[in-house]
Amino acid sequence: MLNPYGVQAARDYLLAGNAVTRLEAMVLFAVPDLTKIISDLRCAGYEVQRQNVPLARAIRRVNEVATLVPPTSLPVSDIRLTEYWVAV
């Protein structure tokens, strides 16, 4: 079951013009399924954009409010995540 408070927080975060990856959704909002939120926004008429970004960027943003330390052997600049945001 999805965390209703986290879902609403993630949705509000996106609607405020911020970008989010699946990693950030899980760590910051306790939302395991970002796809549902993105799908609901698209069904509501919002234009949701996406782009691939390095894992390092998502980790840097998470580390602004929490602590996330990847294993040293993990190639964080080579791993790509999909970042979503609502076009204004």
C-alpha atoms as a PDB file:
ATOM      1  CA  MET A   1       0.000   0.000   0.000  1.00  0.00           C
ATOM      2  CA  LEU A   2       1.273   3.437  -0.902  1.00  0.00           C
ATOM      3  CA  ASN A   3       1.944   5.973   1.808  1.00  0.00           C
ATOM      4  CA  PRO A   4      -0.840   8.556   1.172  1.00  0.00           C
ATOM      5  CA  TYR A   5       1.109  11.367   2.856  1.00  0.00           C
ATOM      6  CA  GLY A   6       4.218  10.594   0.823  1.00  0.00           C
ATOM      7  CA  VAL A   7       2.228  10.397  -2.403  1.00  0.00           C
ATOM      8  CA  GLN A   8       0.674  13.800  -1.763  1.00  0.00           C
ATOM      9  CA  ALA A   9       4.043  15.269  -0.748  1.00  0.00           C
ATOM     10  CA  ALA A  10       5.728  13.920  -3.896  1.00  0.00           C
ATOM     11  CA  ARG A  11       2.870  15.206  -6.049  1.00  0.00           C
ATOM     12  CA  ASP A  12       3.076  18.665  -4.450  1.00  0.00           C
ATOM     13  CA  TYR A  13       6.863  18.629  -4.878  1.00  0.00           C
ATOM     14  CA  LEU A  14       6.487  17.958  -8.610  1.00  0.00           C
ATOM     15  CA  LEU A  15       3.731  20.555  -9.019  1.00  0.00           C
ATOM     16  CA  ALA A  16       5.982  23.122  -7.330  1.00  0.00           C
ATOM     17  CA  GLY A  17       8.329  22.781 -10.305  1.00  0.00           C
ATOM     18  CA  ASN A  18      10.902  20.420  -8.806  1.00  0.00           C
ATOM     19  CA  ALA A  19      12.374  17.385 -10.536  1.00  0.00           C
ATOM     20  CA  VAL A  20      12.372  13.959  -8.903  1.00  0.00           C
ATOM     21  CA  THR A  21      13.811  10.505  -9.645  1.00  0.00           C
ATOM     22  CA  ARG A  22      12.617   7.133  -8.345  1.00  0.00           C
ATOM     23  CA  LEU A  23      15.484   7.144  -5.860  1.00  0.00           C
ATOM     24  CA  GLU A  24      14.414  10.498  -4.435  1.00  0.00           C
ATOM     25  CA  ALA A  25      10.770   9.410  -4.308  1.00  0.00           C
ATOM     26  CA  MET A  26      11.740   6.348  -2.273  1.00  0.00           C
ATOM     27  CA  VAL A  27      14.207   8.049   0.069  1.00  0.00           C
ATOM     28  CA  LEU A  28      12.552  11.431   0.605  1.00  0.00           C
ATOM     29  CA  PHE A  29       8.846  10.613   0.333  1.00  0.00           C
ATOM     30  CA  ALA A  30       8.667   6.848   1.093  1.00  0.00           C
ATOM     31  CA  VAL A  31       6.904   6.329  -2.235  1.00  0.00           C
ATOM     32  CA  PRO A  32       7.908   3.041  -3.888  1.00  0.00           C
ATOM     33  CA  ASP A  33       5.881   3.661  -7.067  1.00  0.00           C
ATOM     34  CA  LEU A  34       6.617   6.981  -8.726  1.00  0.00           C
ATOM     35  CA  THR A  35       4.995   5.672 -11.926  1.00  0.00           C
ATOM     36  CA  LYS A  36       1.514   5.928 -10.382  1.00  0.00           C
ATOM     37  CA  ILE A  37       2.043   9.563  -9.435  1.00  0.00           C
ATOM     38  CA  ILE A  38       3.378  10.430 -12.904  1.00  0.00           C
ATOM     39  CA  SER A  39       0.486   8.582 -14.560  1.00  0.00           C
ATOM     40  CA  ASP A  40      -2.087  10.354 -12.387  1.00  0.00           C
ATOM     41  CA  LEU A  41      -0.563  13.745 -13.212  1.00  0.00           C
ATOM     42  CA  ARG A  42      -0.666  12.983 -16.942  1.00  0.00           C
ATOM     43  CA  CYS A  43      -4.296  11.839 -16.671  1.00  0.00           C
ATOM     44  CA  ALA A  44      -5.098  15.103 -14.873  1.00  0.00           C
ATOM     45  CA  GLY A  45      -3.785  17.012 -17.894  1.00  0.00           C
ATOM     46  CA  TYR A  46      -0.297  17.967 -16.721  1.00  0.00           C
ATOM     47  CA  GLU A  47       2.611  17.699 -19.130  1.00  0.00           C
ATOM     48  CA  VAL A  48       5.272  15.627 -17.395  1.00  0.00           C
ATOM     49  CA  GLN A  49       8.760  15.853 -18.908  1.00  0.00           C
ATOM     50  CA  ARG A  50      11.629  13.432 -18.382  1.00  0.00           C
ATOM     51  CA  GLN A  51      15.344  13.109 -18.981  1.00  0.00           C
ATOM     52  CA  ASN A  52      18.139  10.744 -18.022  1.00  0.00           C
ATOM     53  CA  VAL A  53      20.533  12.038 -15.372  1.00  0.00           C
ATOM     54  CA  PRO A  54      23.529  10.530 -13.595  1.00  0.00           C
ATOM     55  CA  LEU A  55      22.924   8.806 -10.271  1.00  0.00           C
ATOM     56  CA  ALA A  56      25.413  11.267  -8.775  1.00  0.00           C
ATOM     57  CA  ARG A  57      22.965  14.145  -9.372  1.00  0.00           C
ATOM     58  CA  ALA A  58      20.138  12.360  -7.561  1.00  0.00           C
ATOM     59  CA  ILE A  59      22.453  11.470  -4.661  1.00  0.00           C
ATOM     60  CA  ARG A  60      23.597  15.094  -4.395  1.00  0.00           C
ATOM     61  CA  ARG A  61      19.982  16.302  -4.190  1.00  0.00           C
ATOM     62  CA  VAL A  62      19.080  13.658  -1.591  1.00  0.00           C
ATOM     63  CA  ASN A  63      22.117  14.661   0.453  1.00  0.00           C
ATOM     64  CA  GLU A  64      20.782  18.219   0.716  1.00  0.00           C
ATOM     65  CA  VAL A  65      18.160  16.955   3.193  1.00  0.00           C
ATOM     66  CA  ALA A  66      19.285  13.441   4.181  1.00  0.00           C
ATOM     67  CA  THR A  67      22.405  11.297   4.129  1.00  0.00           C
ATOM     68  CA  LEU A  68      22.853   8.750   1.365  1.00  0.00           C
ATOM     69  CA  VAL A  69      26.294   7.204   0.934  1.00  0.00           C
ATOM     70  CA  PRO A  70      26.655   4.819  -2.024  1.00  0.00           C
ATOM     71  CA  PRO A  71      29.231   2.019  -1.949  1.00  0.00           C
ATOM     72  CA  THR A  72      32.639   3.247  -3.096  1.00  0.00           C
ATOM     73  CA  SER A  73      32.746   0.647  -5.873  1.00  0.00           C
ATOM     74  CA  LEU A  74      29.459   1.874  -7.375  1.00  0.00           C
ATOM     75  CA  PRO A  75      30.058   3.893 -10.589  1.00  0.00           C
ATOM     76  CA  VAL A  76      27.635   6.717  -9.720  1.00  0.00           C
ATOM     77  CA  SER A  77      28.545   8.810 -12.757  1.00  0.00           C
ATOM     78  CA  ASP A  78      27.904   5.911 -15.163  1.00  0.00           C
ATOM     79  CA  ILE A  79      24.503   4.832 -13.790  1.00  0.00           C
ATOM     80  CA  ARG A  80      21.578   6.783 -15.219  1.00  0.00           C
ATOM     81  CA  LEU A  81      18.190   7.476 -13.657  1.00  0.00           C
ATOM     82  CA  THR A  82      15.100   9.023 -15.186  1.00  0.00           C
ATOM     83  CA  GLU A  83      14.216  12.408 -13.750  1.00  0.00           C
ATOM     84  CA  TYR A  84      10.636  13.711 -14.034  1.00  0.00           C
ATOM     85  CA  TRP A  85       9.211  17.207 -13.686  1.00  0.00           C
ATOM     86  CA  VAL A  86       5.976  18.991 -14.558  1.00  0.00           C
ATOM     87  CA  ALA A  87       6.301  21.453 -17.431  1.00  0.00           C
ATOM     88  CA  VAL A  88       4.917  24.857 -16.623  1.00  0.00           C
END
